[in-house]
């Protein structure tokens, strides 16, 4: 599959088959996250793999992962992240998001479904998974075999805004 095919195929999955994700695929997904670029190559991402029944139950206390058999809590270590010199903008959440995107697209390429989850209780997740103060849970990536029928690849023609609505040339407000 080429990149555009993967990007078009990927969709949020909210129903999963009751079967585990093979270790080989888990490693490929995690490696794809490791390959992701980060600001100044600081690599502040910290990944918590959740796949055991009791751990998934603890995760469910703070997040709905739609009964996915595998979830990755994507965290960012603010002590390791790059900060922009002009205004001290901490890009830890950006780095974690790039890592998540790489893993999500790798999962798609491997025939797996995923759902990027930001609606969760960070304090519950922090407590349940012993996350230190300087490490922030940014998102959760639920992964597994989709129980839903595949969505059509051409859905983006209707679901996404046209380029002319989101692209500006030269300066904001200038359309070509």
N, C-alpha and C. Protein backbone atom coordinates (compact mmCIF):
# COMPACT_ATOMS: atom_id res chain seq x y z
N UNK A 1 0.85 -1.18 0.00
CA UNK A 1 0.00 0.00 0.00
C UNK A 1 0.89 1.24 0.00
N UNK A 2 0.58 2.24 -0.83
CA UNK A 2 1.36 3.47 -0.77
C UNK A 2 0.77 4.39 0.30
N UNK A 3 1.46 5.49 0.58
CA UNK A 3 1.08 6.34 1.70
C UNK A 3 -0.35 6.87 1.57
N UNK A 4 -0.71 7.36 0.40
CA UNK A 4 -2.07 7.92 0.22
C UNK A 4 -3.13 6.85 0.45
N UNK A 5 -2.87 5.64 0.02
CA UNK A 5 -3.83 4.55 0.26
C UNK A 5 -3.98 4.29 1.75
N UNK A 6 -2.87 4.26 2.47
CA UNK A 6 -2.92 4.04 3.92
C UNK A 6 -3.69 5.18 4.59
N UNK A 7 -3.36 6.41 4.22
CA UNK A 7 -4.01 7.57 4.83
C UNK A 7 -5.52 7.56 4.57
N UNK A 8 -5.93 7.17 3.38
CA UNK A 8 -7.36 7.13 3.04
C UNK A 8 -8.06 5.95 3.70
N UNK A 9 -7.37 4.85 3.88
CA UNK A 9 -7.96 3.66 4.47
C UNK A 9 -8.18 3.82 5.98
N UNK A 10 -7.30 4.55 6.64
CA UNK A 10 -7.35 4.69 8.09
C UNK A 10 -8.63 5.39 8.53
N UNK A 11 -9.27 4.85 9.54
CA UNK A 11 -10.46 5.47 10.12
C UNK A 11 -10.52 5.09 11.60
N UNK A 12 -11.32 5.80 12.36
CA UNK A 12 -11.48 5.49 13.78
C UNK A 12 -12.34 4.25 13.94
N UNK A 13 -11.80 3.26 14.64
CA UNK A 13 -12.50 2.01 14.88
C UNK A 13 -12.97 2.00 16.32
N UNK A 14 -14.26 1.71 16.50
CA UNK A 14 -14.84 1.69 17.84
C UNK A 14 -15.49 0.36 18.19
N UNK A 15 -15.14 -0.68 17.43
CA UNK A 15 -15.59 -2.04 17.73
C UNK A 15 -14.50 -2.99 17.25
N UNK A 16 -14.04 -3.84 18.15
CA UNK A 16 -12.91 -4.72 17.85
C UNK A 16 -13.28 -6.18 18.04
N UNK A 17 -12.64 -7.03 17.24
CA UNK A 17 -12.78 -8.47 17.42
C UNK A 17 -12.08 -8.86 18.72
N UNK A 18 -12.54 -9.93 19.29
CA UNK A 18 -11.94 -10.43 20.53
C UNK A 18 -10.77 -11.36 20.18
N UNK A 19 -9.73 -10.76 19.64
CA UNK A 19 -8.51 -11.53 19.35
C UNK A 19 -7.31 -10.63 19.55
N UNK A 20 -6.24 -11.17 20.08
CA UNK A 20 -5.08 -10.34 20.39
C UNK A 20 -4.32 -9.91 19.13
N UNK A 21 -3.58 -8.85 19.27
CA UNK A 21 -2.68 -8.38 18.22
C UNK A 21 -1.36 -9.14 18.41
N UNK A 22 -0.90 -9.74 17.35
CA UNK A 22 0.32 -10.53 17.40
C UNK A 22 1.51 -9.68 17.85
N UNK A 23 2.42 -10.31 18.60
CA UNK A 23 3.59 -9.60 19.12
C UNK A 23 4.41 -8.98 17.99
N UNK A 24 4.55 -9.67 16.89
CA UNK A 24 5.32 -9.15 15.75
C UNK A 24 4.73 -7.81 15.28
N UNK A 25 3.39 -7.74 15.22
CA UNK A 25 2.74 -6.50 14.80
C UNK A 25 2.88 -5.42 15.87
N UNK A 26 2.80 -5.81 17.12
CA UNK A 26 3.00 -4.84 18.21
C UNK A 26 4.37 -4.18 18.09
N UNK A 27 5.39 -5.00 17.86
CA UNK A 27 6.76 -4.49 17.75
C UNK A 27 6.88 -3.55 16.55
N UNK A 28 6.29 -3.92 15.42
CA UNK A 28 6.34 -3.05 14.24
C UNK A 28 5.68 -1.70 14.52
N UNK A 29 4.57 -1.73 15.23
CA UNK A 29 3.87 -0.48 15.57
C UNK A 29 4.74 0.37 16.49
N UNK A 30 5.30 -0.24 17.51
CA UNK A 30 6.16 0.50 18.45
C UNK A 30 7.41 1.03 17.77
N UNK A 31 7.99 0.23 16.89
CA UNK A 31 9.18 0.69 16.15
C UNK A 31 8.83 1.89 15.27
N UNK A 32 7.66 1.88 14.65
CA UNK A 32 7.26 3.02 13.83
C UNK A 32 7.14 4.28 14.68
N UNK A 33 6.68 4.14 15.91
CA UNK A 33 6.65 5.28 16.82
C UNK A 33 8.05 5.74 17.19
N UNK A 34 8.95 4.79 17.34
CA UNK A 34 10.35 5.13 17.67
C UNK A 34 11.02 5.87 16.53
N UNK A 35 10.64 5.56 15.29
CA UNK A 35 11.23 6.21 14.12
C UNK A 35 10.73 7.64 13.92
N UNK A 36 9.66 8.02 14.60
CA UNK A 36 9.03 9.33 14.38
C UNK A 36 9.99 10.47 14.75
N UNK A 37 9.94 11.55 13.97
CA UNK A 37 10.79 12.70 14.31
C UNK A 37 10.26 13.43 15.55
N UNK A 38 11.16 13.99 16.31
CA UNK A 38 10.80 14.81 17.47
C UNK A 38 11.67 16.05 17.47
N UNK A 39 11.21 17.10 18.14
CA UNK A 39 11.94 18.36 18.19
C UNK A 39 13.35 18.16 18.75
N UNK A 40 14.35 18.59 17.96
CA UNK A 40 15.77 18.49 18.34
C UNK A 40 16.15 17.04 18.68
N UNK A 41 15.39 16.08 18.16
CA UNK A 41 15.61 14.65 18.41
C UNK A 41 15.65 14.32 19.90
N UNK A 42 14.89 15.05 20.70
CA UNK A 42 14.88 14.83 22.15
C UNK A 42 14.14 13.56 22.55
N UNK A 43 13.23 13.09 21.71
CA UNK A 43 12.50 11.84 21.93
C UNK A 43 11.85 11.78 23.32
N UNK A 44 10.95 12.73 23.61
CA UNK A 44 10.32 12.74 24.93
C UNK A 44 9.17 11.75 25.08
N UNK A 45 8.84 11.00 24.02
CA UNK A 45 7.72 10.07 24.11
C UNK A 45 8.04 8.93 25.07
N UNK A 46 7.03 8.58 25.82
CA UNK A 46 7.09 7.44 26.74
C UNK A 46 5.82 6.65 26.48
N UNK A 47 5.96 5.39 26.13
CA UNK A 47 4.83 4.58 25.69
C UNK A 47 4.54 3.48 26.71
N UNK A 48 3.29 3.40 27.12
CA UNK A 48 2.86 2.35 28.04
C UNK A 48 1.95 1.41 27.25
N UNK A 49 2.41 0.17 27.05
CA UNK A 49 1.65 -0.82 26.31
C UNK A 49 0.71 -1.53 27.28
N UNK A 50 -0.56 -1.51 26.95
CA UNK A 50 -1.59 -2.11 27.80
C UNK A 50 -2.28 -3.21 27.00
N UNK A 51 -2.13 -4.46 27.45
CA UNK A 51 -2.72 -5.57 26.71
C UNK A 51 -3.20 -6.71 27.61
N UNK A 52 -2.75 -6.74 28.84
CA UNK A 52 -3.19 -7.79 29.76
C UNK A 52 -4.58 -7.42 30.29
N UNK A 53 -5.39 -8.43 30.56
CA UNK A 53 -6.78 -8.22 30.98
C UNK A 53 -6.90 -7.28 32.17
N UNK A 54 -6.09 -7.49 33.20
CA UNK A 54 -6.19 -6.63 34.39
C UNK A 54 -5.75 -5.20 34.08
N UNK A 55 -4.74 -5.03 33.23
CA UNK A 55 -4.29 -3.69 32.86
C UNK A 55 -5.35 -2.98 32.00
N UNK A 56 -5.99 -3.71 31.10
CA UNK A 56 -7.06 -3.13 30.29
C UNK A 56 -8.23 -2.69 31.17
N UNK A 57 -8.49 -3.45 32.23
CA UNK A 57 -9.55 -3.09 33.17
C UNK A 57 -9.18 -1.80 33.92
N UNK A 58 -7.92 -1.67 34.31
CA UNK A 58 -7.47 -0.44 34.97
C UNK A 58 -7.57 0.75 34.01
N UNK A 59 -7.24 0.51 32.75
CA UNK A 59 -7.35 1.57 31.75
C UNK A 59 -8.80 2.01 31.58
N UNK A 60 -9.71 1.05 31.62
CA UNK A 60 -11.14 1.35 31.46
C UNK A 60 -11.68 2.23 32.59
N UNK A 61 -10.98 2.28 33.71
CA UNK A 61 -11.39 3.15 34.81
C UNK A 61 -11.27 4.63 34.44
N UNK A 62 -10.41 4.94 33.46
CA UNK A 62 -10.21 6.34 33.08
C UNK A 62 -10.43 6.64 31.62
N UNK A 63 -10.71 5.60 30.81
CA UNK A 63 -10.85 5.83 29.36
C UNK A 63 -11.70 4.73 28.73
N UNK A 64 -12.42 5.10 27.70
CA UNK A 64 -13.15 4.13 26.90
C UNK A 64 -12.28 3.79 25.70
N UNK A 65 -11.76 2.58 25.68
CA UNK A 65 -10.94 2.14 24.55
C UNK A 65 -11.70 1.16 23.67
N UNK A 66 -13.01 1.12 23.83
CA UNK A 66 -13.90 0.35 22.96
C UNK A 66 -13.55 -1.14 22.93
N UNK A 67 -13.06 -1.63 24.07
CA UNK A 67 -12.71 -3.04 24.23
C UNK A 67 -11.63 -3.50 23.26
N UNK A 68 -10.77 -2.59 22.87
CA UNK A 68 -9.63 -2.96 22.03
C UNK A 68 -8.72 -3.88 22.83
N UNK A 69 -8.13 -4.88 22.19
CA UNK A 69 -7.25 -5.81 22.91
C UNK A 69 -5.86 -5.24 23.20
N UNK A 70 -5.56 -4.10 22.61
CA UNK A 70 -4.26 -3.46 22.78
C UNK A 70 -4.48 -1.96 22.84
N UNK A 71 -3.81 -1.32 23.77
CA UNK A 71 -3.85 0.14 23.84
C UNK A 71 -2.45 0.62 24.20
N UNK A 72 -2.10 1.76 23.66
CA UNK A 72 -0.82 2.38 23.98
C UNK A 72 -1.11 3.75 24.56
N UNK A 73 -0.71 3.94 25.80
CA UNK A 73 -0.83 5.25 26.42
C UNK A 73 0.41 6.03 25.99
N UNK A 74 0.18 7.08 25.22
CA UNK A 74 1.29 7.87 24.69
C UNK A 74 1.49 9.06 25.63
N UNK A 75 2.66 9.08 26.23
CA UNK A 75 3.00 10.13 27.20
C UNK A 75 4.16 10.96 26.67
N UNK A 76 4.35 12.12 27.28
CA UNK A 76 5.47 12.99 26.94
C UNK A 76 6.17 13.43 28.22
N UNK A 77 7.47 13.26 28.23
CA UNK A 77 8.29 13.66 29.37
C UNK A 77 8.69 15.12 29.18
N UNK A 78 8.07 16.00 29.96
CA UNK A 78 8.36 17.43 29.83
C UNK A 78 9.78 17.79 30.25
N UNK A 79 10.43 16.92 30.99
CA UNK A 79 11.83 17.14 31.34
C UNK A 79 12.77 16.87 30.19
N UNK A 80 12.30 16.13 29.19
CA UNK A 80 13.14 15.77 28.05
C UNK A 80 12.79 16.54 26.78
N UNK A 81 11.64 17.18 26.74
CA UNK A 81 11.16 17.80 25.50
C UNK A 81 11.87 19.11 25.18
N UNK A 82 11.86 19.44 23.89
CA UNK A 82 12.45 20.68 23.41
C UNK A 82 11.48 21.83 23.66
N UNK A 83 12.05 23.00 24.03
CA UNK A 83 11.25 24.20 24.23
C UNK A 83 11.74 25.27 23.26
N UNK A 84 10.80 25.93 22.60
CA UNK A 84 11.15 26.99 21.66
C UNK A 84 11.77 28.16 22.41
N UNK A 85 12.88 28.68 21.93
CA UNK A 85 13.61 29.73 22.67
C UNK A 85 12.87 31.05 22.75
N UNK A 86 12.04 31.37 21.79
CA UNK A 86 11.37 32.66 21.77
C UNK A 86 10.32 32.82 22.86
N UNK A 87 9.55 31.78 23.09
CA UNK A 87 8.45 31.89 24.04
C UNK A 87 8.34 30.69 24.98
N UNK A 88 9.32 29.80 24.94
CA UNK A 88 9.40 28.60 25.78
C UNK A 88 8.26 27.62 25.52
N UNK A 89 7.65 27.69 24.33
CA UNK A 89 6.61 26.73 23.95
C UNK A 89 7.21 25.33 24.06
N UNK A 90 6.55 24.49 24.86
CA UNK A 90 6.96 23.09 25.07
C UNK A 90 6.26 22.25 24.01
N UNK A 91 7.03 21.60 23.16
CA UNK A 91 6.42 20.86 22.06
C UNK A 91 6.23 19.37 22.37
N UNK A 92 6.23 19.01 23.63
CA UNK A 92 6.06 17.61 24.03
C UNK A 92 4.80 16.99 23.45
N UNK A 93 3.69 17.74 23.48
CA UNK A 93 2.44 17.20 22.95
C UNK A 93 2.49 17.03 21.44
N UNK A 94 3.22 17.91 20.76
CA UNK A 94 3.38 17.78 19.31
C UNK A 94 4.19 16.53 19.00
N UNK A 95 5.31 16.34 19.70
CA UNK A 95 6.13 15.16 19.49
C UNK A 95 5.33 13.88 19.74
N UNK A 96 4.58 13.85 20.83
CA UNK A 96 3.77 12.67 21.15
C UNK A 96 2.72 12.41 20.06
N UNK A 97 2.18 13.48 19.49
CA UNK A 97 1.19 13.33 18.44
C UNK A 97 1.80 12.78 17.16
N UNK A 98 2.99 13.21 16.83
CA UNK A 98 3.67 12.66 15.65
C UNK A 98 3.94 11.18 15.85
N UNK A 99 4.38 10.80 17.04
CA UNK A 99 4.62 9.39 17.36
C UNK A 99 3.33 8.60 17.22
N UNK A 100 2.24 9.13 17.75
CA UNK A 100 0.95 8.45 17.67
C UNK A 100 0.52 8.27 16.22
N UNK A 101 0.69 9.29 15.42
CA UNK A 101 0.31 9.22 14.01
C UNK A 101 1.10 8.13 13.29
N UNK A 102 2.40 8.06 13.53
CA UNK A 102 3.21 7.02 12.91
C UNK A 102 2.70 5.63 13.31
N UNK A 103 2.40 5.43 14.58
CA UNK A 103 1.93 4.12 15.04
C UNK A 103 0.55 3.81 14.47
N UNK A 104 -0.30 4.79 14.40
CA UNK A 104 -1.65 4.61 13.89
C UNK A 104 -1.62 4.20 12.42
N UNK A 105 -0.78 4.86 11.64
CA UNK A 105 -0.69 4.52 10.22
C UNK A 105 -0.02 3.17 10.01
N UNK A 106 0.94 2.83 10.85
CA UNK A 106 1.56 1.50 10.77
C UNK A 106 0.53 0.42 11.07
N UNK A 107 -0.30 0.65 12.08
CA UNK A 107 -1.37 -0.31 12.40
C UNK A 107 -2.28 -0.52 11.19
N UNK A 108 -2.64 0.56 10.52
CA UNK A 108 -3.48 0.46 9.32
C UNK A 108 -2.80 -0.38 8.26
N UNK A 109 -1.53 -0.13 8.03
CA UNK A 109 -0.78 -0.87 7.02
C UNK A 109 -0.71 -2.36 7.36
N UNK A 110 -0.79 -2.70 8.63
CA UNK A 110 -0.75 -4.09 9.07
C UNK A 110 -2.13 -4.75 9.10
N UNK A 111 -3.14 -4.03 8.64
CA UNK A 111 -4.49 -4.59 8.61
C UNK A 111 -5.25 -4.46 9.92
N UNK A 112 -4.78 -3.58 10.78
CA UNK A 112 -5.42 -3.37 12.08
C UNK A 112 -6.21 -2.07 12.08
N UNK A 113 -7.20 -2.00 12.96
CA UNK A 113 -7.94 -0.78 13.18
C UNK A 113 -7.39 -0.07 14.39
N UNK A 114 -7.68 1.21 14.50
CA UNK A 114 -7.22 1.98 15.65
C UNK A 114 -8.17 3.13 15.92
N UNK A 115 -8.05 3.68 17.12
CA UNK A 115 -8.80 4.88 17.48
C UNK A 115 -7.90 5.74 18.36
N UNK A 116 -7.70 6.97 17.94
CA UNK A 116 -6.91 7.93 18.69
C UNK A 116 -7.83 8.54 19.73
N UNK A 117 -7.50 8.36 21.00
CA UNK A 117 -8.39 8.77 22.09
C UNK A 117 -7.75 9.89 22.90
N UNK A 118 -8.45 11.01 22.97
CA UNK A 118 -8.02 12.12 23.82
C UNK A 118 -9.00 12.37 24.96
N UNK A 119 -10.17 11.75 24.88
CA UNK A 119 -11.17 11.91 25.94
C UNK A 119 -10.92 10.85 27.00
N UNK A 120 -10.16 11.22 28.01
CA UNK A 120 -9.85 10.32 29.12
C UNK A 120 -9.55 11.17 30.35
N UNK A 121 -9.63 10.54 31.50
CA UNK A 121 -9.33 11.24 32.74
C UNK A 121 -7.83 11.09 33.03
N UNK A 122 -7.05 12.14 32.83
CA UNK A 122 -5.60 12.01 32.98
C UNK A 122 -5.17 11.66 34.40
N UNK A 123 -5.90 12.11 35.39
CA UNK A 123 -5.51 11.80 36.77
C UNK A 123 -5.71 10.32 37.08
N UNK A 124 -6.79 9.74 36.58
CA UNK A 124 -7.01 8.31 36.77
C UNK A 124 -5.91 7.52 36.05
N UNK A 125 -5.62 7.90 34.82
CA UNK A 125 -4.59 7.20 34.05
C UNK A 125 -3.24 7.34 34.73
N UNK A 126 -2.94 8.54 35.19
CA UNK A 126 -1.66 8.80 35.88
C UNK A 126 -1.53 7.89 37.11
N UNK A 127 -2.60 7.81 37.90
CA UNK A 127 -2.57 7.01 39.13
C UNK A 127 -2.49 5.51 38.82
N UNK A 128 -3.36 5.04 37.92
CA UNK A 128 -3.44 3.61 37.61
C UNK A 128 -2.15 3.07 37.01
N UNK A 129 -1.41 3.92 36.29
CA UNK A 129 -0.21 3.44 35.59
C UNK A 129 1.08 4.05 36.14
N UNK A 130 0.99 4.64 37.34
CA UNK A 130 2.17 5.11 38.05
C UNK A 130 3.02 6.08 37.21
N UNK A 131 2.36 7.04 36.58
CA UNK A 131 3.04 7.99 35.70
C UNK A 131 3.57 9.14 36.53
N UNK A 132 4.88 9.41 36.46
CA UNK A 132 5.47 10.48 37.27
C UNK A 132 5.00 11.87 36.87
N UNK A 133 5.20 12.83 37.74
CA UNK A 133 4.68 14.19 37.57
C UNK A 133 5.15 14.88 36.29
N UNK A 134 6.40 14.71 35.90
CA UNK A 134 6.92 15.40 34.71
C UNK A 134 6.51 14.73 33.40
N UNK A 135 5.86 13.57 33.50
CA UNK A 135 5.40 12.84 32.32
C UNK A 135 3.89 13.00 32.22
N UNK A 136 3.45 13.51 31.06
CA UNK A 136 2.03 13.77 30.84
C UNK A 136 1.42 12.75 29.89
N UNK A 137 0.31 12.12 30.28
CA UNK A 137 -0.39 11.29 29.31
C UNK A 137 -1.07 12.20 28.27
N UNK A 138 -0.70 12.04 27.02
CA UNK A 138 -1.19 12.92 25.95
C UNK A 138 -2.40 12.33 25.25
N UNK A 139 -2.31 11.05 24.90
CA UNK A 139 -3.42 10.38 24.24
C UNK A 139 -3.28 8.88 24.42
N UNK A 140 -4.29 8.17 23.98
CA UNK A 140 -4.29 6.71 24.04
C UNK A 140 -4.63 6.22 22.64
N UNK A 141 -3.86 5.26 22.16
CA UNK A 141 -4.13 4.66 20.87
C UNK A 141 -4.67 3.25 21.08
N UNK A 142 -5.96 3.06 20.79
CA UNK A 142 -6.58 1.75 20.86
C UNK A 142 -6.31 1.04 19.54
N UNK A 143 -5.95 -0.25 19.61
CA UNK A 143 -5.57 -0.99 18.41
C UNK A 143 -6.13 -2.41 18.48
N UNK A 144 -6.57 -2.90 17.33
CA UNK A 144 -7.03 -4.27 17.24
C UNK A 144 -7.61 -4.55 15.87
N UNK A 145 -8.17 -5.73 15.73
CA UNK A 145 -8.83 -6.10 14.48
C UNK A 145 -10.24 -5.55 14.50
N UNK A 146 -10.58 -4.78 13.48
CA UNK A 146 -11.89 -4.13 13.43
C UNK A 146 -13.01 -5.14 13.30
N UNK A 147 -14.07 -4.93 14.06
CA UNK A 147 -15.27 -5.76 13.96
C UNK A 147 -16.29 -5.11 13.02
N UNK A 148 -16.00 -3.91 12.57
CA UNK A 148 -16.90 -3.18 11.67
C UNK A 148 -16.53 -3.43 10.21
N UNK A 149 -17.49 -3.21 9.34
CA UNK A 149 -17.22 -3.27 7.91
C UNK A 149 -16.31 -2.09 7.54
N UNK A 150 -15.41 -2.29 6.59
CA UNK A 150 -14.51 -1.19 6.20
C UNK A 150 -15.29 0.00 5.64
N UNK A 151 -14.79 1.18 5.91
CA UNK A 151 -15.40 2.39 5.36
C UNK A 151 -14.84 2.62 3.95
N UNK A 152 -15.64 3.20 3.06
CA UNK A 152 -15.15 3.43 1.69
C UNK A 152 -14.01 4.46 1.67
N UNK A 153 -13.01 4.18 0.85
CA UNK A 153 -11.85 5.08 0.76
C UNK A 153 -12.22 6.46 0.21
N UNK A 154 -13.30 6.54 -0.57
CA UNK A 154 -13.68 7.83 -1.16
C UNK A 154 -14.51 8.70 -0.21
N UNK A 155 -14.71 8.26 1.04
CA UNK A 155 -15.50 9.03 1.99
C UNK A 155 -14.91 10.41 2.26
N UNK A 156 -13.61 10.55 2.03
CA UNK A 156 -12.94 11.83 2.29
C UNK A 156 -13.41 12.93 1.34
N UNK A 157 -13.91 12.53 0.17
CA UNK A 157 -14.42 13.52 -0.77
C UNK A 157 -15.62 14.25 -0.19
N UNK A 158 -16.38 13.58 0.69
CA UNK A 158 -17.53 14.21 1.33
C UNK A 158 -17.23 14.67 2.76
N UNK A 159 -16.37 13.94 3.47
CA UNK A 159 -16.12 14.20 4.89
C UNK A 159 -15.09 15.29 5.17
N UNK A 160 -14.28 15.62 4.20
CA UNK A 160 -13.21 16.58 4.42
C UNK A 160 -13.48 17.87 3.66
N UNK A 161 -13.05 18.96 4.24
CA UNK A 161 -13.20 20.25 3.59
C UNK A 161 -12.30 20.29 2.35
N UNK A 162 -12.70 21.00 1.32
CA UNK A 162 -11.84 21.10 0.13
C UNK A 162 -10.59 21.93 0.45
N UNK A 163 -9.53 21.70 -0.32
CA UNK A 163 -8.28 22.43 -0.10
C UNK A 163 -8.49 23.94 -0.07
N UNK A 164 -9.34 24.47 -0.94
CA UNK A 164 -9.54 25.92 -1.01
C UNK A 164 -10.06 26.49 0.31
N UNK A 165 -10.65 25.64 1.16
CA UNK A 165 -11.15 26.10 2.46
C UNK A 165 -10.09 26.12 3.55
N UNK A 166 -8.99 25.42 3.34
CA UNK A 166 -8.00 25.31 4.41
C UNK A 166 -6.60 25.81 4.04
N UNK A 167 -6.38 26.08 2.75
CA UNK A 167 -5.05 26.48 2.31
C UNK A 167 -5.02 27.97 2.00
N UNK A 168 -3.98 28.62 2.48
CA UNK A 168 -3.73 30.04 2.22
C UNK A 168 -2.37 30.14 1.54
N UNK A 169 -2.21 31.09 0.63
CA UNK A 169 -0.96 31.22 -0.11
C UNK A 169 -0.29 32.56 0.21
N UNK A 170 0.94 32.47 0.63
CA UNK A 170 1.72 33.68 0.90
C UNK A 170 1.45 34.29 2.27
N UNK A 171 0.19 34.45 2.60
CA UNK A 171 -0.23 34.95 3.91
C UNK A 171 -1.65 34.52 4.17
N UNK A 172 -2.03 34.53 5.42
CA UNK A 172 -3.37 34.09 5.80
C UNK A 172 -4.41 34.96 5.11
N UNK A 173 -5.42 34.31 4.55
CA UNK A 173 -6.50 35.03 3.90
C UNK A 173 -6.33 35.15 2.40
N UNK A 174 -5.16 34.78 1.88
CA UNK A 174 -4.92 34.85 0.45
C UNK A 174 -5.19 33.50 -0.18
N UNK A 175 -6.16 33.47 -1.08
CA UNK A 175 -6.52 32.24 -1.79
C UNK A 175 -5.98 32.33 -3.21
N UNK A 176 -5.66 31.19 -3.77
CA UNK A 176 -5.14 31.22 -5.14
C UNK A 176 -6.25 30.96 -6.12
